[in-house]
Protein backbone atom coordinates (compact mmCIF):
# COMPACT_ATOMS: atom_id res chain seq x y z
CA MET A 1 -86.18 -47.59 -5.30
CA ALA A 2 -89.25 -48.11 -2.76
CA THR A 3 -89.11 -46.62 0.69
CA ASN A 4 -88.95 -49.16 3.35
CA ILE A 5 -90.28 -49.01 6.78
CA ILE A 6 -93.70 -48.14 7.92
CA ASN A 7 -94.52 -44.17 8.33
CA ASP A 8 -95.28 -43.82 11.99
CA GLY A 9 -95.60 -47.23 12.61
CA GLU A 10 -98.73 -48.04 10.85
CA ILE A 11 -100.26 -47.48 7.30
CA THR A 12 -103.77 -45.10 7.37
CA SER A 13 -106.60 -46.08 7.08
CA GLU A 14 -107.02 -44.46 3.59
CA ASN A 15 -104.60 -46.99 2.33
CA ASN A 16 -106.07 -49.73 3.97
CA ASP A 17 -109.48 -48.88 2.48
CA LYS A 18 -107.98 -48.63 -0.69
CA ILE A 19 -106.44 -52.33 -0.42
CA GLU A 20 -109.60 -53.58 0.93
CA SER A 21 -111.82 -52.32 -1.85
CA SER A 22 -109.44 -53.23 -4.77
CA SER A 23 -108.71 -56.99 -3.63
CA PRO A 24 -109.43 -59.85 -5.21
CA PRO A 25 -112.26 -61.97 -4.05
CA LYS A 26 -111.77 -64.12 -1.05
CA ASP A 27 -112.80 -67.49 -2.93
CA GLU A 28 -109.50 -67.56 -5.07
CA ASN A 29 -110.92 -71.14 -6.77
CA ASN A 30 -113.49 -68.82 -8.67
CA ILE A 31 -110.36 -66.12 -10.19
CA ASN A 32 -110.04 -66.01 -13.47
CA VAL A 33 -106.78 -64.18 -13.62
CA SER A 34 -106.94 -63.19 -17.37
CA ASP A 35 -110.24 -61.06 -16.24
CA THR A 36 -108.17 -59.40 -12.97
CA PRO A 37 -105.40 -56.39 -13.04
CA PHE A 38 -104.34 -58.70 -10.14
CA HIS A 39 -100.75 -60.38 -10.42
CA LEU A 40 -101.06 -62.84 -7.42
CA LEU A 41 -98.04 -64.32 -6.08
CA GLU A 42 -97.67 -67.60 -5.31
CA GLY A 43 -98.45 -67.42 -1.36
CA ARG A 44 -99.53 -64.64 0.96
CA TRP A 45 -97.16 -62.60 3.29
CA THR A 46 -97.43 -60.13 6.20
CA PHE A 47 -95.02 -57.15 7.31
CA TRP A 48 -94.40 -56.83 10.97
CA TYR A 49 -92.28 -53.99 12.85
CA THR A 50 -91.08 -53.81 16.23
CA HIS A 51 -89.34 -51.45 18.13
CA ARG A 52 -87.83 -51.90 21.64
CA PRO A 53 -86.56 -48.88 23.15
CA THR A 54 -83.03 -49.00 25.03
CA THR A 55 -84.28 -49.47 28.47
CA PHE A 56 -86.31 -51.98 27.64
CA ARG A 57 -83.96 -54.16 25.74
CA ASN A 58 -82.79 -56.09 28.87
CA SER A 59 -85.87 -56.04 30.74
CA SER A 60 -88.42 -59.03 30.98
CA ILE A 61 -90.67 -56.51 28.39
CA ASN A 62 -93.37 -59.26 26.38
CA TYR A 63 -91.69 -59.17 22.75
CA ASP A 64 -95.20 -60.09 21.43
CA SER A 65 -96.34 -56.45 22.84
CA CYS A 66 -93.83 -54.92 20.81
CA LEU A 67 -94.58 -56.52 17.75
CA LYS A 68 -97.32 -54.41 15.14
CA LYS A 69 -98.79 -56.09 12.23
CA LEU A 70 -98.32 -53.67 9.22
CA GLY A 71 -100.64 -55.61 6.44
CA THR A 72 -101.03 -58.57 4.51
CA PHE A 73 -100.73 -59.44 0.63
CA GLY A 74 -101.23 -61.48 -1.70
CA SER A 75 -100.56 -59.72 -5.32
CA VAL A 76 -98.04 -57.53 -6.51
CA GLU A 77 -100.46 -54.78 -6.29
CA GLU A 78 -101.04 -54.81 -2.62
CA PHE A 79 -97.31 -55.16 -1.88
CA TRP A 80 -96.50 -51.81 -3.70
CA CYS A 81 -99.79 -50.41 -2.10
CA TYR A 82 -98.03 -50.94 1.61
CA TYR A 83 -94.16 -51.00 0.57
CA ASP A 84 -94.47 -47.24 -0.90
CA HIS A 85 -95.59 -46.02 2.69
CA MET A 86 -92.68 -47.58 4.15
CA LYS A 87 -89.77 -46.14 5.69
CA PHE A 88 -85.85 -47.07 4.25
CA PRO A 89 -84.20 -48.88 7.05
CA SER A 90 -81.41 -45.98 7.16
CA GLU A 91 -84.26 -43.71 8.49
CA LEU A 92 -85.76 -46.45 11.21
CA PRO A 93 -84.44 -45.15 14.92
CA LEU A 94 -82.02 -48.11 16.74
CA TYR A 95 -83.17 -51.09 17.75
CA SER A 96 -85.83 -51.50 15.35
CA ASP A 97 -86.99 -54.77 13.41
CA VAL A 98 -88.63 -54.66 10.00
CA HIS A 99 -90.03 -58.50 9.48
CA LEU A 100 -91.75 -59.89 6.39
CA PHE A 101 -93.00 -63.05 7.03
CA LYS A 102 -96.00 -65.68 5.22
CA GLU A 103 -99.70 -65.15 6.21
CA ASN A 104 -100.71 -66.49 9.70
CA LEU A 105 -96.51 -66.80 10.85
CA LYS A 106 -95.27 -64.34 13.82
CA PRO A 107 -91.70 -63.65 13.30
CA MET A 108 -91.14 -65.30 16.89
CA TRP A 109 -89.07 -68.32 17.72
CA GLU A 110 -91.31 -70.58 19.58
CA GLU A 111 -93.90 -70.33 16.95
CA GLU A 112 -95.10 -73.78 15.91
CA GLY A 113 -94.02 -73.04 11.92
CA ASN A 114 -90.41 -71.60 13.12
CA ARG A 115 -89.34 -73.42 16.62
CA LEU A 116 -87.47 -76.19 14.51
CA GLY A 117 -85.63 -73.73 12.13
CA GLY A 118 -82.91 -71.28 12.30
CA LYS A 119 -81.59 -68.46 10.05
CA TRP A 120 -78.95 -66.88 8.10
CA ILE A 121 -77.52 -63.65 9.45
CA LEU A 122 -75.76 -61.10 7.24
CA ARG A 123 -74.14 -58.39 9.05
CA LEU A 124 -73.29 -55.08 7.10
CA LYS A 125 -71.60 -52.14 7.36
CA LYS A 126 -74.51 -49.11 8.08
CA GLY A 127 -75.77 -47.69 4.75
CA LEU A 128 -76.09 -51.02 2.82
CA SER A 129 -79.43 -52.45 4.21
CA THR A 130 -81.50 -50.64 2.34
CA ARG A 131 -80.60 -51.86 -1.23
CA LEU A 132 -79.94 -55.44 0.23
CA TRP A 133 -83.26 -55.48 2.24
CA GLU A 134 -85.37 -54.56 -1.15
CA LEU A 135 -83.32 -57.09 -3.20
CA LEU A 136 -83.95 -59.91 -0.84
CA VAL A 137 -87.82 -58.84 -0.14
CA LEU A 138 -88.69 -59.10 -4.02
CA ALA A 139 -86.40 -62.25 -4.14
CA VAL A 140 -88.42 -64.12 -1.35
CA ILE A 141 -91.98 -63.12 -2.59
CA GLY A 142 -90.79 -63.50 -5.95
CA GLU A 143 -90.01 -67.48 -5.04
CA GLN A 144 -86.63 -66.97 -6.27
CA PHE A 145 -85.49 -69.39 -3.84
CA ASN A 146 -86.79 -72.42 -4.96
CA VAL A 147 -87.13 -74.32 -1.68
CA GLY A 148 -91.19 -75.00 -1.14
CA LYS A 149 -92.15 -74.08 2.12
CA GLU A 150 -88.82 -73.84 3.64
CA ILE A 151 -88.02 -70.04 3.78
CA CYS A 152 -90.56 -68.63 6.99
CA GLY A 153 -89.58 -65.17 6.43
CA ILE A 154 -86.97 -62.33 6.71
CA VAL A 155 -85.97 -59.52 8.83
CA CYS A 156 -83.75 -56.78 8.74
CA SER A 157 -82.25 -55.44 11.98
CA ILE A 158 -81.14 -51.74 13.09
CA ARG A 159 -78.60 -51.34 15.28
CA PRO A 160 -75.69 -49.19 16.48
CA GLN A 161 -72.70 -50.29 14.95
CA GLU A 162 -74.37 -52.66 12.02
CA ASP A 163 -77.39 -53.48 10.36
CA LEU A 164 -77.97 -57.40 10.02
CA ILE A 165 -80.32 -59.12 7.60
CA SER A 166 -81.28 -62.60 8.19
CA ILE A 167 -83.63 -65.02 6.58
CA TRP A 168 -85.54 -67.60 8.81
CA THR A 169 -85.56 -71.28 7.44
CA LYS A 170 -88.24 -74.01 8.75
CA THR A 171 -85.96 -76.84 9.08
CA ALA A 172 -82.75 -76.22 10.89
CA ASN A 173 -81.17 -79.72 10.47
CA ASN A 174 -82.35 -80.03 6.59
CA GLN A 175 -78.62 -79.39 5.77
CA LEU A 176 -79.17 -79.88 2.02
CA ILE A 177 -81.92 -77.01 2.07
CA THR A 178 -79.90 -74.52 4.39
CA GLN A 179 -76.76 -74.21 2.40
CA ARG A 180 -79.18 -73.84 -1.04
CA ILE A 181 -80.98 -70.82 0.80
CA LYS A 182 -77.55 -69.74 1.78
CA GLU A 183 -75.91 -69.89 -1.74
CA THR A 184 -79.15 -68.24 -3.04
CA MET A 185 -79.08 -65.49 -0.62
CA LYS A 186 -75.43 -64.61 -1.82
CA LYS A 187 -76.63 -64.86 -5.53
CA VAL A 188 -79.86 -62.40 -5.26
CA LEU A 189 -77.89 -60.14 -2.99
CA ASN A 190 -74.76 -60.12 -5.39
CA LEU A 191 -72.79 -60.96 -2.42
CA PRO A 192 -68.88 -62.29 -3.03
CA GLN A 193 -68.45 -65.54 -2.29
CA GLU A 194 -66.20 -65.01 0.40
CA CYS A 195 -68.55 -63.08 2.27
CA PRO A 196 -69.32 -64.58 5.82
CA LEU A 197 -73.19 -65.83 6.53
CA GLU A 198 -73.85 -67.10 10.20
CA TYR A 199 -76.07 -69.67 10.94
CA LYS A 200 -78.22 -69.70 14.37
CA THR A 201 -81.06 -72.25 15.25
CA HIS A 202 -84.11 -70.74 17.13
CA ASN A 203 -83.49 -73.52 19.95
CA ASP A 204 -80.28 -71.72 20.76
CA SER A 205 -81.44 -68.56 20.45
CA LEU A 206 -84.37 -69.17 22.93
CA ARG A 207 -81.56 -70.95 25.26
CA ASP A 208 -79.34 -67.79 25.38
CA ASN A 209 -82.23 -65.15 24.72
CA CYS A 210 -80.45 -63.42 21.87
CA SER A 211 -81.06 -63.68 18.03
CA TYR A 212 -77.20 -62.71 17.14
CA ARG A 213 -74.59 -63.59 19.48
CA ASN A 214 -73.34 -66.82 19.67
CA THR A 215 -73.81 -68.05 16.19
CA ASP A 216 -72.23 -70.91 14.32
CA ARG A 217 -69.35 -68.61 13.10
CA MET A 218 -68.65 -66.90 16.37
CA THR A 219 -67.48 -70.16 17.79
CA LYS A 220 -64.42 -70.26 15.36
CA SER A 221 -63.83 -66.51 15.55
CA PHE A 222 -60.05 -67.13 17.06
CA GLU A 223 -57.14 -67.04 15.42
CA SER A 224 -53.37 -66.92 16.50
CA PRO A 225 -50.60 -65.08 14.62
CA LYS A 226 -47.70 -67.21 13.54
CA LEU A 227 -45.57 -68.72 15.68
CA ILE A 228 -42.50 -66.25 15.17
CA TRP A 229 -44.40 -63.10 16.55
CA TRP A 230 -45.12 -65.29 19.88
CA ILE A 231 -41.34 -65.70 19.82
CA ILE A 232 -39.65 -62.18 19.01
CA ILE A 233 -42.35 -59.99 20.53
CA PRO A 234 -42.66 -61.57 24.15
CA ILE A 235 -38.39 -62.05 24.22
CA CYS A 236 -38.04 -58.33 23.55
CA ILE A 237 -40.18 -56.86 25.84
CA ILE A 238 -38.86 -59.33 28.68
CA TYR A 239 -35.43 -58.29 27.61
CA LEU A 240 -36.29 -54.86 27.89
CA PHE A 241 -38.11 -55.20 31.55
CA LEU A 242 -34.76 -56.53 32.70
CA MET A 243 -32.43 -54.10 31.41
CA VAL A 244 -34.74 -51.56 33.02
CA HIS A 245 -35.52 -53.00 36.25
CA TRP A 246 -32.60 -56.19 36.77
CA PRO A 247 -29.83 -55.44 34.45
CA TYR A 248 -27.31 -57.59 36.75
CA ILE A 249 -29.43 -60.81 36.12
CA ILE A 250 -28.29 -60.33 32.20
CA PRO A 251 -25.12 -62.33 31.66
CA LEU A 252 -24.27 -59.41 29.37
CA ARG A 253 -20.59 -61.00 29.02
CA SER A 254 -21.69 -64.14 27.59
CA LEU A 255 -23.98 -62.47 24.78
CA GLY A 256 -20.67 -61.01 22.86
CA SER A 257 -21.11 -57.64 21.01
CA PHE A 258 -25.22 -57.43 21.57
CA GLY A 259 -24.04 -57.71 25.23
CA ASP A 260 -21.86 -54.67 24.94
CA LEU A 261 -24.80 -52.75 23.18
CA SER A 262 -26.96 -53.71 26.18
CA TYR A 263 -24.58 -52.29 28.57
CA TYR A 264 -23.92 -49.19 26.76
CA LEU A 265 -27.75 -48.64 26.57
CA ILE A 266 -28.08 -49.39 30.24
CA SER A 267 -25.45 -46.92 31.46
CA ASN A 268 -26.61 -44.29 28.85
CA TYR A 269 -29.84 -44.35 28.25
CA ARG A 270 -31.74 -46.20 30.98
CA PHE A 271 -34.32 -43.64 31.37
CA LEU A 272 -35.28 -44.01 27.65
CA LEU A 273 -35.30 -47.46 27.67
CA PHE A 274 -37.74 -46.85 30.96
CA LEU A 275 -39.85 -44.91 28.63
CA ILE A 276 -39.84 -47.45 25.62
CA LEU A 277 -40.75 -50.16 27.98
CA TRP A 278 -44.10 -48.41 29.57
CA SER A 279 -44.92 -47.06 26.54
CA THR A 280 -45.19 -50.72 24.80
CA PHE A 281 -47.01 -51.82 27.78
CA ILE A 282 -49.78 -48.40 27.62
CA ALA A 283 -49.79 -49.28 23.38
CA HIS A 284 -50.61 -53.10 24.10
CA PHE A 285 -53.32 -52.23 26.88
CA TYR A 286 -54.69 -49.61 24.67
CA GLU A 287 -54.78 -52.30 21.40
CA THR A 288 -56.89 -54.82 23.99
CA LEU A 289 -59.51 -52.29 24.42
CA ILE A 290 -60.11 -51.99 20.86
CA ALA A 291 -59.66 -56.08 20.47
CA ARG A 292 -62.24 -56.02 23.53
CA ARG A 293 -64.29 -53.59 21.53
CA ILE A 294 -64.27 -55.08 18.22
CA CYS A 295 -64.99 -58.65 19.98
CA ARG A 296 -68.32 -56.52 21.19
CA GLN A 297 -69.30 -55.23 17.97
CA LEU A 298 -68.91 -58.85 16.33
CA ASN A 299 -70.97 -60.43 19.21
CA ILE A 300 -67.94 -62.82 19.98
CA ASP A 301 -68.77 -64.80 22.84
CA GLN A 302 -67.07 -63.95 26.01
CA GLU A 303 -64.69 -66.87 26.44
CA LEU A 304 -63.20 -66.31 23.24
CA THR A 305 -63.15 -62.06 23.73
CA TYR A 306 -60.95 -62.94 26.82
CA LEU A 307 -58.33 -64.78 24.67
CA TRP A 308 -58.37 -62.35 22.08
CA MET A 309 -57.83 -59.55 24.99
CA ILE A 310 -55.10 -61.56 26.46
CA GLN A 311 -53.11 -62.54 22.93
CA THR A 312 -53.95 -58.73 22.18
CA PHE A 313 -52.23 -57.46 25.43
CA ILE A 314 -48.99 -60.06 25.01
CA LEU A 315 -48.79 -59.69 20.94
CA GLY A 316 -50.35 -56.03 20.30
CA PHE A 317 -51.02 -55.47 16.71
CA PRO A 318 -49.99 -59.04 14.75
CA SER A 319 -53.24 -59.84 17.16
CA LEU A 320 -55.37 -56.84 16.50
CA THR A 321 -54.72 -57.03 12.80
CA ILE A 322 -56.32 -60.59 12.51
CA LEU A 323 -59.34 -59.56 14.51
CA GLN A 324 -59.61 -56.39 12.50
CA ARG A 325 -59.49 -58.25 9.16
CA TYR A 326 -62.39 -60.42 10.87
CA LYS A 327 -64.67 -57.14 11.26
CA ARG A 328 -63.95 -56.39 7.74
CA GLN A 329 -65.01 -59.63 6.80
CA ALA A 330 -68.09 -59.53 8.90
CA LEU A 331 -69.59 -55.98 8.08
CA TRP A 332 -69.37 -56.70 4.68
């Protein structure tokens, strides 16, 4: 497998000279493919690279100033001249992005060729991006998507908790084309059918100034456990609280044998009940912190994060189990 991001940020001048000296004539109408060793692609593509240090991520630093053009190619041979001198995504520093876009099209939301589009996003566990990125690169330059000019480019983003691969589409409101791109992306990357992909328009990215938060799937990322858990767990916690702090308001005599058992526990093991009660509160509080961390990893919006935290504090593991399932599905 070829290596995958730029050595020290740029292609050396020696390699550039090699590419320029071996490039086909600029007048493509006069090219006789049978007389040239080059295998021309259907279009010309450009590699870009960005790296924004942690201290600048939330500042007003100009994104365009971080964007570095690595090189443009229009043939298989030119592609490998660049790609063979690039690092793997796994070798890149955090908050790095590798872009492969059509020639003369920058990987920016507000670009004329991008602004009406959006992107499909695939979230990956650390260590998976290198293989899938190479498969997607080869599929895109090999025109395996068969959607004409609807693909603007692709991006591989390296983040602390996950890596992300996205494919930018030209027209966000063309549902037929965007769905075809989604299905083809799953096919060329050999993804399971249930693997979730998220879509976000560039207008939404411009509005919240973020590429990967508040995607379409995140608006649906809340689920409640079965009703039985909402009945059993709160009732048990409330009853235990009353046994420890206000046992005199419990109608023990009307509860029959259960009331007799409760009276026995209150009389002989009240301190143990106290420990169980507050251990439960501490455990639920800890599970709430875990839920908050998972929500941040999944880029779930703030309102839904609060709902997850409240639900997890009340119910504990039944709520956290659902959220952990979301995480396993998202970080495929």
